[in-house]
Amino acid sequence: MIALVAEFILYMIFGFSFAMINDWNALDGVAFFFGSLVILTIATGIIAPISAVVEMLIKKKNIGYKILLYTDITILILLFMANCSQKSHNEVSSKTNDSIEYNNEEIAIDIKERYMDSIVIKNIKIENSIYNEPNIEGEIKNIGSKSLRIVKVVIYFFDKNNKPIFEVPRWPISNSNNFSSTEPLKPNYSRKFSFYISDVPSEWSKKVELKVEYFDFEEVK
């Protein structure tokens, strides 16, 4: 009876305190505390009459209280050890999952870095548009094994000393209707492109270089 009253009081105190604080990080500790109270109450309810019977049989004063006390202490120790073991297991699992995610990300980055050599920009030509602006023409070829849904290139413009003086990004392959081509570039396929460029500095020596800055694969359905 004392245990039940004490448990009710503790439920009220800690339960309301937790509800007011709303500290979700403390949920595991609160759940462990309340769960331990329930287990301890049930164990006390079972062991108390057994202890009383034992005390009556052996006729040794206070032996029943000692049995009950030692049993409750043992249960608390076992519960504490189980909780520590579970926390350790969760930490190991969390670290393992983080490590797997990190390794998967590293693998994906490595695959993309190596695939960069499979995107070939060739046959670059420079023509003047009707507005006397440079028109950069060329061809992009996918010599890899995956379809490309996005390819972003940067066009660098050089002066007579072969130093870059201007750059613009362009997308020869894109999934947006704002750009020239929306169809993925399949393996071993080529596609021509043409970009009009405005505001090129007067120091430009008619030399350009195109470099792939970003690309992404077509999603496999």
C-alpha atoms as a PDB file:
ATOM      1  CA  MET A   1       0.000   0.000   0.000  1.00  0.00           C
ATOM      2  CA  ILE A   2       2.835   2.370   0.862  1.00  0.00           C
ATOM      3  CA  ALA A   3       4.498   1.582  -2.465  1.00  0.00           C
ATOM      4  CA  LEU A   4       1.288   2.329  -4.378  1.00  0.00           C
ATOM      5  CA  VAL A   5       0.798   5.670  -2.617  1.00  0.00           C
ATOM      6  CA  ALA A   6       4.439   6.628  -3.162  1.00  0.00           C
ATOM      7  CA  GLU A   7       4.201   5.656  -6.822  1.00  0.00           C
ATOM      8  CA  PHE A   8       1.078   7.749  -7.306  1.00  0.00           C
ATOM      9  CA  ILE A   9       2.775  10.787  -5.744  1.00  0.00           C
ATOM     10  CA  LEU A  10       5.876  10.329  -7.915  1.00  0.00           C
ATOM     11  CA  TYR A  11       3.746   9.940 -11.035  1.00  0.00           C
ATOM     12  CA  MET A  12       2.017  13.208 -10.245  1.00  0.00           C
ATOM     13  CA  ILE A  13       5.214  15.115  -9.466  1.00  0.00           C
ATOM     14  CA  PHE A  14       7.406  13.899 -12.332  1.00  0.00           C
ATOM     15  CA  GLY A  15       4.589  13.546 -14.848  1.00  0.00           C
ATOM     16  CA  PHE A  16       3.367  17.121 -14.413  1.00  0.00           C
ATOM     17  CA  SER A  17       6.940  18.422 -14.272  1.00  0.00           C
ATOM     18  CA  PHE A  18       7.757  16.754 -17.566  1.00  0.00           C
ATOM     19  CA  ALA A  19       4.579  18.051 -19.170  1.00  0.00           C
ATOM     20  CA  MET A  20       5.382  21.618 -18.081  1.00  0.00           C
ATOM     21  CA  ILE A  21       9.028  21.503 -19.161  1.00  0.00           C
ATOM     22  CA  ASN A  22       8.305  19.638 -22.401  1.00  0.00           C
ATOM     23  CA  ASP A  23      11.898  18.460 -22.627  1.00  0.00           C
ATOM     24  CA  TRP A  24      11.763  15.787 -25.293  1.00  0.00           C
ATOM     25  CA  ASN A  25      15.431  14.954 -24.820  1.00  0.00           C
ATOM     26  CA  ALA A  26      14.571  13.667 -21.356  1.00  0.00           C
ATOM     27  CA  LEU A  27      11.885  11.296 -22.637  1.00  0.00           C
ATOM     28  CA  ASP A  28      14.070   8.179 -22.416  1.00  0.00           C
ATOM     29  CA  GLY A  29      14.993   8.907 -18.816  1.00  0.00           C
ATOM     30  CA  VAL A  30      11.377   9.616 -17.801  1.00  0.00           C
ATOM     31  CA  ALA A  31      10.137   6.474 -19.545  1.00  0.00           C
ATOM     32  CA  PHE A  32      12.801   4.421 -17.781  1.00  0.00           C
ATOM     33  CA  PHE A  33      11.883   5.965 -14.424  1.00  0.00           C
ATOM     34  CA  PHE A  34       8.144   5.301 -14.772  1.00  0.00           C
ATOM     35  CA  GLY A  35       8.715   1.830 -16.205  1.00  0.00           C
ATOM     36  CA  SER A  36      10.977   0.972 -13.294  1.00  0.00           C
ATOM     37  CA  LEU A  37       8.314   2.178 -10.841  1.00  0.00           C
ATOM     38  CA  VAL A  38       5.725  -0.079 -12.438  1.00  0.00           C
ATOM     39  CA  ILE A  39       8.026  -3.104 -12.394  1.00  0.00           C
ATOM     40  CA  LEU A  40       9.100  -2.378  -8.821  1.00  0.00           C
ATOM     41  CA  THR A  41       5.490  -1.995  -7.672  1.00  0.00           C
ATOM     42  CA  ILE A  42       4.431  -5.279  -9.265  1.00  0.00           C
ATOM     43  CA  ALA A  43       7.483  -7.066  -7.853  1.00  0.00           C
ATOM     44  CA  THR A  44       6.799  -5.628  -4.388  1.00  0.00           C
ATOM     45  CA  GLY A  45       3.178  -6.726  -4.556  1.00  0.00           C
ATOM     46  CA  ILE A  46       4.275 -10.280  -5.367  1.00  0.00           C
ATOM     47  CA  ILE A  47       7.283 -10.545  -3.055  1.00  0.00           C
ATOM     48  CA  ALA A  48       5.714  -8.859   0.019  1.00  0.00           C
ATOM     49  CA  PRO A  49       3.274 -11.681   0.854  1.00  0.00           C
ATOM     50  CA  ILE A  50       5.932 -14.281   0.056  1.00  0.00           C
ATOM     51  CA  SER A  51       8.330 -12.533   2.441  1.00  0.00           C
ATOM     52  CA  ALA A  52       5.616 -12.449   5.139  1.00  0.00           C
ATOM     53  CA  VAL A  53       5.022 -16.188   4.724  1.00  0.00           C
ATOM     54  CA  VAL A  54       8.766 -16.894   4.897  1.00  0.00           C
ATOM     55  CA  GLU A  55       9.028 -14.802   8.087  1.00  0.00           C
ATOM     56  CA  MET A  56       6.138 -16.713   9.666  1.00  0.00           C
ATOM     57  CA  LEU A  57       7.625 -20.086   8.762  1.00  0.00           C
ATOM     58  CA  ILE A  58      11.138 -19.469   9.998  1.00  0.00           C
ATOM     59  CA  LYS A  59       9.939 -17.243  12.852  1.00  0.00           C
ATOM     60  CA  LYS A  60      12.768 -14.745  12.461  1.00  0.00           C
ATOM     61  CA  LYS A  61      11.831 -11.125  13.096  1.00  0.00           C
ATOM     62  CA  ASN A  62      12.239  -8.605  10.238  1.00  0.00           C
ATOM     63  CA  ILE A  63      13.541 -11.254   7.809  1.00  0.00           C
ATOM     64  CA  GLY A  64      10.579 -10.539   5.549  1.00  0.00           C
ATOM     65  CA  TYR A  65      11.458  -6.841   5.289  1.00  0.00           C
ATOM     66  CA  LYS A  66      15.065  -7.714   4.496  1.00  0.00           C
ATOM     67  CA  ILE A  67      14.034 -10.156   1.760  1.00  0.00           C
ATOM     68  CA  LEU A  68      11.749  -7.517   0.262  1.00  0.00           C
ATOM     69  CA  LEU A  69      14.372  -4.772   0.516  1.00  0.00           C
ATOM     70  CA  TYR A  70      17.190  -6.850  -0.989  1.00  0.00           C
ATOM     71  CA  THR A  71      14.947  -8.096  -3.764  1.00  0.00           C
ATOM     72  CA  ASP A  72      13.841  -4.551  -4.682  1.00  0.00           C
ATOM     73  CA  ILE A  73      17.448  -3.344  -4.652  1.00  0.00           C
ATOM     74  CA  THR A  74      18.464  -6.246  -6.912  1.00  0.00           C
ATOM     75  CA  ILE A  75      15.630  -5.436  -9.318  1.00  0.00           C
ATOM     76  CA  LEU A  76      16.668  -1.760  -9.444  1.00  0.00           C
ATOM     77  CA  ILE A  77      20.280  -2.719 -10.167  1.00  0.00           C
ATOM     78  CA  LEU A  78      19.196  -5.066 -12.977  1.00  0.00           C
ATOM     79  CA  LEU A  79      16.929  -2.386 -14.444  1.00  0.00           C
ATOM     80  CA  PHE A  80      19.743   0.172 -14.340  1.00  0.00           C
ATOM     81  CA  MET A  81      22.155  -2.245 -16.033  1.00  0.00           C
ATOM     82  CA  ALA A  82      19.579  -3.045 -18.719  1.00  0.00           C
ATOM     83  CA  ASN A  83      19.009   0.665 -19.365  1.00  0.00           C
ATOM     84  CA  CYS A  84      22.763   1.334 -19.676  1.00  0.00           C
ATOM     85  CA  SER A  85      23.137  -1.619 -22.041  1.00  0.00           C
ATOM     86  CA  GLN A  86      20.267  -0.361 -24.215  1.00  0.00           C
ATOM     87  CA  LYS A  87      21.736   3.155 -24.384  1.00  0.00           C
ATOM     88  CA  SER A  88      25.116   1.741 -25.374  1.00  0.00           C
ATOM     89  CA  HIS A  89      23.475  -0.375 -28.076  1.00  0.00           C
ATOM     90  CA  ASN A  90      21.564   2.643 -29.423  1.00  0.00           C
ATOM     91  CA  GLU A  91      24.733   4.747 -29.543  1.00  0.00           C
ATOM     92  CA  VAL A  92      26.591   2.027 -31.444  1.00  0.00           C
ATOM     93  CA  SER A  93      23.669   1.636 -33.874  1.00  0.00           C
ATOM     94  CA  SER A  94      23.509   5.396 -34.399  1.00  0.00           C
ATOM     95  CA  LYS A  95      27.243   5.621 -35.070  1.00  0.00           C
ATOM     96  CA  THR A  96      27.032   2.647 -37.448  1.00  0.00           C
ATOM     97  CA  ASN A  97      24.158   4.220 -39.389  1.00  0.00           C
ATOM     98  CA  ASP A  98      26.011   7.550 -39.579  1.00  0.00           C
ATOM     99  CA  SER A  99      29.108   5.733 -40.823  1.00  0.00           C
ATOM    100  CA  ILE A 100      27.093   3.878 -43.492  1.00  0.00           C
ATOM    101  CA  GLU A 101      25.455   7.107 -44.688  1.00  0.00           C
ATOM    102  CA  TYR A 102      28.824   8.870 -44.768  1.00  0.00           C
ATOM    103  CA  ASN A 103      30.436   6.015 -46.701  1.00  0.00           C
ATOM    104  CA  ASN A 104      27.545   5.943 -49.187  1.00  0.00           C
ATOM    105  CA  GLU A 105      27.950   9.683 -49.722  1.00  0.00           C
ATOM    106  CA  GLU A 106      31.694   9.253 -50.262  1.00  0.00           C
ATOM    107  CA  ILE A 107      31.056   6.477 -52.807  1.00  0.00           C
ATOM    108  CA  ALA A 108      28.532   8.635 -54.682  1.00  0.00           C
ATOM    109  CA  ILE A 109      30.980  11.560 -54.812  1.00  0.00           C
ATOM    110  CA  ASP A 110      33.786   9.283 -56.016  1.00  0.00           C
ATOM    111  CA  ILE A 111      31.576   7.834 -58.772  1.00  0.00           C
ATOM    112  CA  LYS A 112      30.700  11.327 -60.013  1.00  0.00           C
ATOM    113  CA  GLU A 113      34.310  12.492 -59.920  1.00  0.00           C
ATOM    114  CA  ARG A 114      35.405   9.525 -62.032  1.00  0.00           C
ATOM    115  CA  TYR A 115      32.472   9.956 -64.430  1.00  0.00           C
ATOM    116  CA  MET A 116      33.581  13.508 -65.196  1.00  0.00           C
ATOM    117  CA  ASP A 117      36.047  12.078 -67.736  1.00  0.00           C
ATOM    118  CA  SER A 118      33.132  10.417 -69.550  1.00  0.00           C
ATOM    119  CA  ILE A 119      31.626  13.789 -70.556  1.00  0.00           C
ATOM    120  CA  VAL A 120      33.415  15.053 -73.614  1.00  0.00           C
ATOM    121  CA  ILE A 121      33.073  18.583 -75.030  1.00  0.00           C
ATOM    122  CA  LYS A 122      34.361  18.762 -78.617  1.00  0.00           C
ATOM    123  CA  ASN A 123      34.179  20.552 -81.966  1.00  0.00           C
ATOM    124  CA  ILE A 124      34.071  24.024 -80.417  1.00  0.00           C
ATOM    125  CA  LYS A 125      33.473  26.801 -82.936  1.00  0.00           C
ATOM    126  CA  ILE A 126      32.940  30.536 -82.525  1.00  0.00           C
ATOM    127  CA  GLU A 127      30.597  32.379 -84.863  1.00  0.00           C
ATOM    128  CA  ASN A 128      29.203  35.897 -84.798  1.00  0.00           C
ATOM    129  CA  SER A 129      25.458  36.295 -84.463  1.00  0.00           C
ATOM    130  CA  ILE A 130      23.409  38.780 -86.447  1.00  0.00           C
ATOM    131  CA  TYR A 131      23.787  41.108 -83.471  1.00  0.00           C
ATOM    132  CA  ASN A 132      27.578  40.811 -83.695  1.00  0.00           C
ATOM    133  CA  GLU A 133      27.681  38.770 -80.506  1.00  0.00           C
ATOM    134  CA  PRO A 134      29.729  35.582 -80.188  1.00  0.00           C
ATOM    135  CA  ASN A 135      27.870  32.333 -80.676  1.00  0.00           C
ATOM    136  CA  ILE A 136      29.644  29.376 -79.078  1.00  0.00           C
ATOM    137  CA  GLU A 137      28.840  26.136 -80.878  1.00  0.00           C
ATOM    138  CA  GLY A 138      29.960  22.662 -79.960  1.00  0.00           C
ATOM    139  CA  GLU A 139      29.071  19.091 -79.231  1.00  0.00           C
ATOM    140  CA  ILE A 140      28.720  17.109 -76.016  1.00  0.00           C
ATOM    141  CA  LYS A 141      29.219  13.337 -75.958  1.00  0.00           C
ATOM    142  CA  ASN A 142      28.469  10.885 -73.159  1.00  0.00           C
ATOM    143  CA  ILE A 143      31.024   8.062 -73.363  1.00  0.00           C
ATOM    144  CA  GLY A 144      30.028   6.633 -69.968  1.00  0.00           C
ATOM    145  CA  SER A 145      27.426   4.022 -69.004  1.00  0.00           C
ATOM    146  CA  LYS A 146      24.766   6.272 -67.406  1.00  0.00           C
ATOM    147  CA  SER A 147      22.228   8.666 -68.866  1.00  0.00           C
ATOM    148  CA  LEU A 148      22.794  12.324 -68.007  1.00  0.00           C
ATOM    149  CA  ARG A 149      19.831  14.523 -67.138  1.00  0.00           C
ATOM    150  CA  ILE A 150      21.812  17.685 -66.298  1.00  0.00           C
ATOM    151  CA  VAL A 151      25.161  18.981 -67.506  1.00  0.00           C
ATOM    152  CA  LYS A 152      26.366  22.445 -66.575  1.00  0.00           C
ATOM    153  CA  VAL A 153      29.434  23.897 -68.269  1.00  0.00           C
ATOM    154  CA  VAL A 154      31.336  27.118 -67.713  1.00  0.00           C
ATOM    155  CA  ILE A 155      32.600  29.006 -70.745  1.00  0.00           C
ATOM    156  CA  TYR A 156      35.861  30.852 -70.053  1.00  0.00           C
ATOM    157  CA  PHE A 157      36.996  33.743 -72.251  1.00  0.00           C
ATOM    158  CA  PHE A 158      40.707  34.581 -72.496  1.00  0.00           C
ATOM    159  CA  ASP A 159      42.711  37.676 -73.405  1.00  0.00           C
ATOM    160  CA  LYS A 160      45.790  37.738 -75.631  1.00  0.00           C
ATOM    161  CA  ASN A 161      47.937  36.620 -72.679  1.00  0.00           C
ATOM    162  CA  ASN A 162      45.795  33.485 -72.244  1.00  0.00           C
ATOM    163  CA  LYS A 163      44.379  34.734 -68.959  1.00  0.00           C
ATOM    164  CA  PRO A 164      40.670  34.337 -68.232  1.00  0.00           C
ATOM    165  CA  ILE A 165      38.791  37.634 -68.216  1.00  0.00           C
ATOM    166  CA  PHE A 166      35.173  36.520 -68.368  1.00  0.00           C
ATOM    167  CA  GLU A 167      33.032  33.448 -67.724  1.00  0.00           C
ATOM    168  CA  VAL A 168      29.418  32.396 -68.125  1.00  0.00           C
ATOM    169  CA  PRO A 169      27.567  29.216 -67.088  1.00  0.00           C
ATOM    170  CA  ARG A 170      25.458  27.304 -69.605  1.00  0.00           C
ATOM    171  CA  TRP A 171      23.489  24.045 -69.629  1.00  0.00           C
ATOM    172  CA  PRO A 172      23.840  21.928 -72.795  1.00  0.00           C
ATOM    173  CA  ILE A 173      21.729  19.253 -71.030  1.00  0.00           C
ATOM    174  CA  SER A 174      18.976  20.226 -68.614  1.00  0.00           C
ATOM    175  CA  ASN A 175      15.572  19.085 -67.325  1.00  0.00           C
ATOM    176  CA  SER A 176      14.267  22.651 -67.495  1.00  0.00           C
ATOM    177  CA  ASN A 177      12.378  24.054 -70.468  1.00  0.00           C
ATOM    178  CA  ASN A 178      14.338  27.282 -70.088  1.00  0.00           C
ATOM    179  CA  PHE A 179      17.334  25.644 -71.736  1.00  0.00           C
ATOM    180  CA  SER A 180      18.037  24.130 -75.125  1.00  0.00           C
ATOM    181  CA  SER A 181      17.659  20.409 -74.470  1.00  0.00           C
ATOM    182  CA  THR A 182      15.451  18.643 -71.949  1.00  0.00           C
ATOM    183  CA  GLU A 183      16.017  15.024 -72.996  1.00  0.00           C
ATOM    184  CA  PRO A 184      18.607  12.998 -71.042  1.00  0.00           C
ATOM    185  CA  LEU A 185      21.829  12.246 -72.883  1.00  0.00           C
ATOM    186  CA  LYS A 186      22.073   8.470 -73.152  1.00  0.00           C
ATOM    187  CA  PRO A 187      25.350   6.505 -73.046  1.00  0.00           C
ATOM    188  CA  ASN A 188      27.360   6.840 -76.289  1.00  0.00           C
ATOM    189  CA  TYR A 189      25.037   9.606 -77.527  1.00  0.00           C
ATOM    190  CA  SER A 190      26.157  13.045 -78.711  1.00  0.00           C
ATOM    191  CA  ARG A 191      24.287  16.314 -78.913  1.00  0.00           C
ATOM    192  CA  LYS A 192      25.119  19.664 -80.458  1.00  0.00           C
ATOM    193  CA  PHE A 193      24.639  22.947 -78.622  1.00  0.00           C
ATOM    194  CA  SER A 194      24.761  26.639 -79.411  1.00  0.00           C
ATOM    195  CA  PHE A 195      25.017  29.533 -76.949  1.00  0.00           C
ATOM    196  CA  TYR A 196      24.764  33.245 -77.670  1.00  0.00           C
ATOM    197  CA  ILE A 197      26.928  35.270 -75.300  1.00  0.00           C
ATOM    198  CA  SER A 198      26.495  38.978 -74.592  1.00  0.00           C
ATOM    199  CA  ASP A 199      28.634  41.536 -72.768  1.00  0.00           C
ATOM    200  CA  VAL A 200      31.957  39.886 -73.590  1.00  0.00           C
ATOM    201  CA  PRO A 201      34.842  42.249 -72.673  1.00  0.00           C
ATOM    202  CA  SER A 202      36.683  43.980 -75.488  1.00  0.00           C
ATOM    203  CA  GLU A 203      39.982  42.372 -74.379  1.00  0.00           C
ATOM    204  CA  TRP A 204      38.727  38.985 -75.494  1.00  0.00           C
ATOM    205  CA  SER A 205      41.127  37.325 -77.937  1.00  0.00           C
ATOM    206  CA  LYS A 206      38.531  35.012 -79.546  1.00  0.00           C
ATOM    207  CA  LYS A 207      39.729  32.110 -77.433  1.00  0.00           C
ATOM    208  CA  VAL A 208      37.398  30.109 -75.201  1.00  0.00           C
ATOM    209  CA  GLU A 209      37.477  27.002 -73.079  1.00  0.00           C
ATOM    210  CA  LEU A 210      34.507  24.959 -71.851  1.00  0.00           C
ATOM    211  CA  LYS A 211      34.691  22.953 -68.632  1.00  0.00           C
ATOM    212  CA  VAL A 212      32.060  20.710 -67.085  1.00  0.00           C
ATOM    213  CA  GLU A 213      31.253  22.140 -63.652  1.00  0.00           C
ATOM    214  CA  TYR A 214      28.277  20.017 -62.594  1.00  0.00           C
ATOM    215  CA  PHE A 215      26.239  17.064 -63.826  1.00  0.00           C
ATOM    216  CA  ASP A 216      23.690  14.596 -62.547  1.00  0.00           C
ATOM    217  CA  PHE A 217      22.432  11.214 -63.668  1.00  0.00           C
ATOM    218  CA  GLU A 218      18.931  10.373 -64.827  1.00  0.00           C
ATOM    219  CA  GLU A 219      16.927   8.715 -62.061  1.00  0.00           C
ATOM    220  CA  VAL A 220      16.424   4.995 -62.607  1.00  0.00           C
ATOM    221  CA  LYS A 221      12.708   4.109 -62.392  1.00  0.00           C
END
